[in-house]
Amino acid sequence: MYDIAIIGAGPAGASAALFTSKAGKKTILFDHDKSITKRAWIENHYGIMGIAGPDLVDIGKKQAEKFGTQLVNEEVTDINKQGDTFVIHTANDTYEAKYIILATGLSTDLAEKLGLKTKPGTEPRIKTIVETDQQGKTNVEKVWAAGTVAGVSVHTIITAGDGAKVAINLLSEINGERYVDHDVLK
């Protein structure tokens, strides 16, 4: 049983996983290798002079794994709620988690299967997004959404920041107090 399952390992998902794992939550991150970031060249991401999208995605996943995230390179085909637990299905296995963060980029298919409210997107070429509050919560208890699927700009720096924000907010709710993660120079 995982504390948190994150669906989507692009900038929003990997960033969320980095924070949840670093906070000691047992985290699983699913990647189906179809992130739109994989097609990008990026020069507008703070701290990076220029990077190929596939390299940025790989670095993000490695950072999350460094802190204990389990990476599963499979597409999530369905998610079912059974009591207080979510059962996540892939073609080859099933996994259980207490919380879900959807970071599925352009796809709202899983969100719609879960009964999440959606609305028209505001970004160019983004037809539908998941409706969330400012924290990242959806209308289904214990399901959160981050990044482009939650209506955030497709720019990698913005989706990565939103993944971090949603993770911090979820961790704060789980812990019952505001969670802060600050590293200091050694």
C-alpha atoms as a PDB file:
ATOM      1  CA  MET A   1       0.000   0.000   0.000  1.00  0.00           C
ATOM      2  CA  TYR A   2       1.343   3.383  -1.034  1.00  0.00           C
ATOM      3  CA  ASP A   3       0.560   6.645   0.675  1.00  0.00           C
ATOM      4  CA  ILE A   4       0.440   8.516  -2.623  1.00  0.00           C
ATOM      5  CA  ALA A   5       0.166   7.401  -6.243  1.00  0.00           C
ATOM      6  CA  ILE A   6       1.081   9.974  -8.863  1.00  0.00           C
ATOM      7  CA  ILE A   7      -0.125   9.363 -12.386  1.00  0.00           C
ATOM      8  CA  GLY A   8       2.130  11.080 -14.904  1.00  0.00           C
ATOM      9  CA  ALA A   9       5.891  11.588 -14.639  1.00  0.00           C
ATOM     10  CA  GLY A  10       6.319  14.824 -16.551  1.00  0.00           C
ATOM     11  CA  PRO A  11       7.393  18.000 -14.748  1.00  0.00           C
ATOM     12  CA  ALA A  12       4.250  18.223 -12.556  1.00  0.00           C
ATOM     13  CA  GLY A  13       4.193  14.560 -11.547  1.00  0.00           C
ATOM     14  CA  ALA A  14       7.921  14.108 -10.957  1.00  0.00           C
ATOM     15  CA  SER A  15       8.060  17.355  -8.981  1.00  0.00           C
ATOM     16  CA  ALA A  16       5.155  16.215  -6.797  1.00  0.00           C
ATOM     17  CA  ALA A  17       6.824  12.825  -6.272  1.00  0.00           C
ATOM     18  CA  LEU A  18      10.106  14.446  -5.271  1.00  0.00           C
ATOM     19  CA  PHE A  19       8.340  16.357  -2.476  1.00  0.00           C
ATOM     20  CA  THR A  20       6.105  13.516  -1.254  1.00  0.00           C
ATOM     21  CA  SER A  21       8.953  11.003  -1.147  1.00  0.00           C
ATOM     22  CA  LYS A  22      11.329  13.455   0.470  1.00  0.00           C
ATOM     23  CA  ALA A  23       8.659  13.985   3.142  1.00  0.00           C
ATOM     24  CA  GLY A  24       8.771  10.270   3.938  1.00  0.00           C
ATOM     25  CA  LYS A  25       5.525   9.279   2.216  1.00  0.00           C
ATOM     26  CA  LYS A  26       5.591   6.000   0.353  1.00  0.00           C
ATOM     27  CA  THR A  27       5.152   7.223  -3.225  1.00  0.00           C
ATOM     28  CA  ILE A  28       4.643   5.465  -6.540  1.00  0.00           C
ATOM     29  CA  LEU A  29       4.992   7.346  -9.837  1.00  0.00           C
ATOM     30  CA  PHE A  30       3.559   6.029 -13.099  1.00  0.00           C
ATOM     31  CA  ASP A  31       5.101   6.963 -16.447  1.00  0.00           C
ATOM     32  CA  HIS A  32       3.745   5.931 -19.836  1.00  0.00           C
ATOM     33  CA  ASP A  33       6.494   7.812 -21.706  1.00  0.00           C
ATOM     34  CA  LYS A  34       4.068  10.073 -23.619  1.00  0.00           C
ATOM     35  CA  SER A  35       4.653  13.418 -21.861  1.00  0.00           C
ATOM     36  CA  ILE A  36       4.357  16.377 -24.235  1.00  0.00           C
ATOM     37  CA  THR A  37       7.576  17.608 -22.624  1.00  0.00           C
ATOM     38  CA  LYS A  38       9.322  14.761 -24.475  1.00  0.00           C
ATOM     39  CA  ARG A  39       8.836  16.787 -27.691  1.00  0.00           C
ATOM     40  CA  ALA A  40      10.148  20.099 -26.351  1.00  0.00           C
ATOM     41  CA  TRP A  41      13.357  22.075 -26.415  1.00  0.00           C
ATOM     42  CA  ILE A  42      13.389  24.234 -23.278  1.00  0.00           C
ATOM     43  CA  GLU A  43      15.206  27.537 -22.759  1.00  0.00           C
ATOM     44  CA  ASN A  44      12.664  29.230 -20.477  1.00  0.00           C
ATOM     45  CA  HIS A  45      13.060  27.060 -17.375  1.00  0.00           C
ATOM     46  CA  TYR A  46      14.747  28.885 -14.473  1.00  0.00           C
ATOM     47  CA  GLY A  47      18.221  27.546 -13.704  1.00  0.00           C
ATOM     48  CA  ILE A  48      18.600  25.715 -17.016  1.00  0.00           C
ATOM     49  CA  MET A  49      20.270  27.401 -20.007  1.00  0.00           C
ATOM     50  CA  GLY A  50      18.736  24.936 -22.453  1.00  0.00           C
ATOM     51  CA  ILE A  51      17.674  21.299 -22.267  1.00  0.00           C
ATOM     52  CA  ALA A  52      15.915  18.721 -24.376  1.00  0.00           C
ATOM     53  CA  GLY A  53      12.523  17.776 -22.968  1.00  0.00           C
ATOM     54  CA  PRO A  54      13.371  14.068 -22.692  1.00  0.00           C
ATOM     55  CA  ASP A  55      16.437  14.947 -20.615  1.00  0.00           C
ATOM     56  CA  LEU A  56      14.406  17.193 -18.289  1.00  0.00           C
ATOM     57  CA  VAL A  57      11.837  14.425 -17.770  1.00  0.00           C
ATOM     58  CA  ASP A  58      14.571  11.856 -17.059  1.00  0.00           C
ATOM     59  CA  ILE A  59      16.284  14.148 -14.533  1.00  0.00           C
ATOM     60  CA  GLY A  60      12.966  14.754 -12.767  1.00  0.00           C
ATOM     61  CA  LYS A  61      12.254  11.040 -12.461  1.00  0.00           C
ATOM     62  CA  LYS A  62      15.786  10.386 -11.163  1.00  0.00           C
ATOM     63  CA  GLN A  63      15.395  13.125  -8.538  1.00  0.00           C
ATOM     64  CA  ALA A  64      12.134  11.553  -7.340  1.00  0.00           C
ATOM     65  CA  GLU A  65      13.734   8.101  -7.235  1.00  0.00           C
ATOM     66  CA  LYS A  66      16.681   9.508  -5.237  1.00  0.00           C
ATOM     67  CA  PHE A  67      14.234  10.211  -2.389  1.00  0.00           C
ATOM     68  CA  GLY A  68      12.522   6.818  -2.572  1.00  0.00           C
ATOM     69  CA  THR A  69       9.813   7.131  -5.218  1.00  0.00           C
ATOM     70  CA  GLN A  70       9.027   3.833  -6.916  1.00  0.00           C
ATOM     71  CA  LEU A  71       8.835   4.440 -10.666  1.00  0.00           C
ATOM     72  CA  VAL A  72       6.574   2.184 -12.725  1.00  0.00           C
ATOM     73  CA  ASN A  73       6.987   2.472 -16.491  1.00  0.00           C
ATOM     74  CA  GLU A  74       3.463   1.490 -17.429  1.00  0.00           C
ATOM     75  CA  GLU A  75       0.285   3.258 -18.458  1.00  0.00           C
ATOM     76  CA  VAL A  76      -2.446   3.412 -15.850  1.00  0.00           C
ATOM     77  CA  THR A  77      -5.583   2.034 -17.482  1.00  0.00           C
ATOM     78  CA  ASP A  78      -8.066   2.492 -14.641  1.00  0.00           C
ATOM     79  CA  ILE A  79      -8.438   3.620 -11.035  1.00  0.00           C
ATOM     80  CA  ASN A  80     -11.164   2.337  -8.742  1.00  0.00           C
ATOM     81  CA  LYS A  81     -12.033   3.470  -5.247  1.00  0.00           C
ATOM     82  CA  GLN A  82     -12.587   0.669  -2.742  1.00  0.00           C
ATOM     83  CA  GLY A  83     -13.452   2.140   0.649  1.00  0.00           C
ATOM     84  CA  ASP A  84     -10.603   4.448   1.672  1.00  0.00           C
ATOM     85  CA  THR A  85      -8.225   2.924  -0.881  1.00  0.00           C
ATOM     86  CA  PHE A  86      -7.630   3.508  -4.566  1.00  0.00           C
ATOM     87  CA  VAL A  87      -6.782   0.523  -6.748  1.00  0.00           C
ATOM     88  CA  ILE A  88      -4.622   1.531  -9.702  1.00  0.00           C
ATOM     89  CA  HIS A  89      -4.643  -0.797 -12.710  1.00  0.00           C
ATOM     90  CA  THR A  90      -1.993  -1.177 -15.399  1.00  0.00           C
ATOM     91  CA  ALA A  91      -1.859  -3.823 -18.132  1.00  0.00           C
ATOM     92  CA  ASN A  92       0.375  -6.000 -15.933  1.00  0.00           C
ATOM     93  CA  ASP A  93      -0.452  -5.288 -12.300  1.00  0.00           C
ATOM     94  CA  THR A  94      -2.529  -3.503  -9.681  1.00  0.00           C
ATOM     95  CA  TYR A  95      -1.375  -1.154  -6.933  1.00  0.00           C
ATOM     96  CA  GLU A  96      -3.088   0.420  -3.935  1.00  0.00           C
ATOM     97  CA  ALA A  97      -2.750   3.951  -2.577  1.00  0.00           C
ATOM     98  CA  LYS A  98      -4.453   6.205  -0.051  1.00  0.00           C
ATOM     99  CA  TYR A  99      -4.199   9.367  -2.186  1.00  0.00           C
ATOM    100  CA  ILE A 100      -3.952  10.127  -5.901  1.00  0.00           C
ATOM    101  CA  ILE A 101      -2.330  13.043  -7.692  1.00  0.00           C
ATOM    102  CA  LEU A 102      -3.269  13.189 -11.366  1.00  0.00           C
ATOM    103  CA  ALA A 103      -0.567  14.847 -13.465  1.00  0.00           C
ATOM    104  CA  THR A 104      -1.725  13.443 -16.780  1.00  0.00           C
ATOM    105  CA  GLY A 105      -0.987  16.466 -18.957  1.00  0.00           C
ATOM    106  CA  LEU A 106      -3.415  16.652 -21.865  1.00  0.00           C
ATOM    107  CA  SER A 107      -5.437  13.585 -20.883  1.00  0.00           C
ATOM    108  CA  THR A 108      -8.561  13.699 -18.723  1.00  0.00           C
ATOM    109  CA  ASP A 109      -9.597  10.087 -19.454  1.00  0.00           C
ATOM    110  CA  LEU A 110      -8.696   8.731 -15.981  1.00  0.00           C
ATOM    111  CA  ALA A 111     -10.187  11.801 -14.330  1.00  0.00           C
ATOM    112  CA  GLU A 112     -13.484  11.250 -16.094  1.00  0.00           C
ATOM    113  CA  LYS A 113     -13.494   7.529 -15.151  1.00  0.00           C
ATOM    114  CA  LEU A 114     -13.028   8.580 -11.508  1.00  0.00           C
ATOM    115  CA  GLY A 115     -15.959  10.984 -11.711  1.00  0.00           C
ATOM    116  CA  LEU A 116     -13.917  14.168 -11.472  1.00  0.00           C
ATOM    117  CA  LYS A 117     -15.567  17.367 -12.617  1.00  0.00           C
ATOM    118  CA  THR A 118     -14.033  18.794 -15.770  1.00  0.00           C
ATOM    119  CA  LYS A 119     -14.400  22.081 -17.602  1.00  0.00           C
ATOM    120  CA  PRO A 120     -13.160  23.659 -20.824  1.00  0.00           C
ATOM    121  CA  GLY A 121      -9.443  24.432 -20.898  1.00  0.00           C
ATOM    122  CA  THR A 122      -8.132  27.966 -21.286  1.00  0.00           C
ATOM    123  CA  GLU A 123      -4.711  27.183 -22.789  1.00  0.00           C
ATOM    124  CA  PRO A 124      -4.375  26.901 -26.567  1.00  0.00           C
ATOM    125  CA  ARG A 125      -5.008  23.308 -27.737  1.00  0.00           C
ATOM    126  CA  ILE A 126      -6.096  22.168 -24.238  1.00  0.00           C
ATOM    127  CA  LYS A 127      -9.739  21.156 -24.690  1.00  0.00           C
ATOM    128  CA  THR A 128     -10.640  19.897 -21.211  1.00  0.00           C
ATOM    129  CA  ILE A 129      -9.146  20.219 -17.725  1.00  0.00           C
ATOM    130  CA  VAL A 130      -9.958  18.892 -14.273  1.00  0.00           C
ATOM    131  CA  GLU A 131     -11.730  21.308 -11.972  1.00  0.00           C
ATOM    132  CA  THR A 132      -9.705  21.898  -8.780  1.00  0.00           C
ATOM    133  CA  ASP A 133      -9.665  24.363  -5.944  1.00  0.00           C
ATOM    134  CA  GLN A 134      -6.608  26.593  -5.352  1.00  0.00           C
ATOM    135  CA  GLN A 135      -4.938  23.822  -3.347  1.00  0.00           C
ATOM    136  CA  GLY A 136      -5.254  21.233  -6.145  1.00  0.00           C
ATOM    137  CA  LYS A 137      -8.147  19.264  -4.643  1.00  0.00           C
ATOM    138  CA  THR A 138     -10.753  17.799  -6.955  1.00  0.00           C
ATOM    139  CA  ASN A 139     -14.395  17.008  -6.192  1.00  0.00           C
ATOM    140  CA  VAL A 140     -13.447  13.408  -5.288  1.00  0.00           C
ATOM    141  CA  GLU A 141     -12.024  13.064  -1.801  1.00  0.00           C
ATOM    142  CA  LYS A 142      -8.307  12.208  -1.700  1.00  0.00           C
ATOM    143  CA  VAL A 143      -7.831  12.885  -5.425  1.00  0.00           C
ATOM    144  CA  TRP A 144      -5.755  15.910  -6.357  1.00  0.00           C
ATOM    145  CA  ALA A 145      -4.630  17.223  -9.755  1.00  0.00           C
ATOM    146  CA  ALA A 146      -1.545  19.161 -10.827  1.00  0.00           C
ATOM    147  CA  GLY A 147      -0.092  20.693 -13.940  1.00  0.00           C
ATOM    148  CA  THR A 148      -1.683  21.016 -17.345  1.00  0.00           C
ATOM    149  CA  VAL A 149      -4.541  18.623 -16.546  1.00  0.00           C
ATOM    150  CA  ALA A 150      -5.486  21.006 -13.713  1.00  0.00           C
ATOM    151  CA  GLY A 151      -5.535  24.023 -16.004  1.00  0.00           C
ATOM    152  CA  VAL A 152      -2.009  25.269 -15.396  1.00  0.00           C
ATOM    153  CA  SER A 153       0.059  26.629 -18.288  1.00  0.00           C
ATOM    154  CA  VAL A 154       1.943  23.989 -20.274  1.00  0.00           C
ATOM    155  CA  HIS A 155       5.299  25.687 -19.626  1.00  0.00           C
ATOM    156  CA  THR A 156       7.524  23.183 -17.809  1.00  0.00           C
ATOM    157  CA  ILE A 157       8.578  25.576 -15.071  1.00  0.00           C
ATOM    158  CA  ILE A 158       4.950  26.349 -14.268  1.00  0.00           C
ATOM    159  CA  THR A 159       3.760  22.734 -14.293  1.00  0.00           C
ATOM    160  CA  ALA A 160       6.742  21.683 -12.164  1.00  0.00           C
ATOM    161  CA  GLY A 161       5.940  24.422  -9.668  1.00  0.00           C
ATOM    162  CA  ASP A 162       2.290  23.407  -9.610  1.00  0.00           C
ATOM    163  CA  GLY A 163       3.244  19.775  -8.932  1.00  0.00           C
ATOM    164  CA  ALA A 164       5.345  20.957  -5.981  1.00  0.00           C
ATOM    165  CA  LYS A 165       2.519  23.208  -4.736  1.00  0.00           C
ATOM    166  CA  VAL A 166      -0.058  20.423  -4.881  1.00  0.00           C
ATOM    167  CA  ALA A 167       2.311  18.001  -3.130  1.00  0.00           C
ATOM    168  CA  ILE A 168       2.992  20.527  -0.343  1.00  0.00           C
ATOM    169  CA  ASN A 169      -0.737  21.120   0.086  1.00  0.00           C
ATOM    170  CA  LEU A 170      -1.493  17.388   0.185  1.00  0.00           C
ATOM    171  CA  LEU A 171       1.320  16.759   2.669  1.00  0.00           C
ATOM    172  CA  SER A 172      -0.022  19.589   4.834  1.00  0.00           C
ATOM    173  CA  GLU A 173      -3.467  18.005   4.839  1.00  0.00           C
ATOM    174  CA  ILE A 174      -2.105  14.532   5.649  1.00  0.00           C
ATOM    175  CA  ASN A 175       0.119  15.869   8.446  1.00  0.00           C
ATOM    176  CA  GLY A 176      -2.521  18.210   9.878  1.00  0.00           C
ATOM    177  CA  GLU A 177      -0.134  21.188   9.771  1.00  0.00           C
ATOM    178  CA  ARG A 178       1.613  23.232   7.118  1.00  0.00           C
ATOM    179  CA  TYR A 179       4.436  21.210   5.578  1.00  0.00           C
ATOM    180  CA  VAL A 180       7.624  23.033   4.626  1.00  0.00           C
ATOM    181  CA  ASP A 181      10.706  21.570   2.954  1.00  0.00           C
ATOM    182  CA  HIS A 182      13.787  23.789   3.014  1.00  0.00           C
ATOM    183  CA  ASP A 183      17.272  22.485   2.352  1.00  0.00           C
ATOM    184  CA  VAL A 184      20.218  24.498   3.671  1.00  0.00           C
ATOM    185  CA  LEU A 185      23.792  24.799   2.494  1.00  0.00           C
ATOM    186  CA  LYS A 186      26.138  22.452   4.249  1.00  0.00           C
END
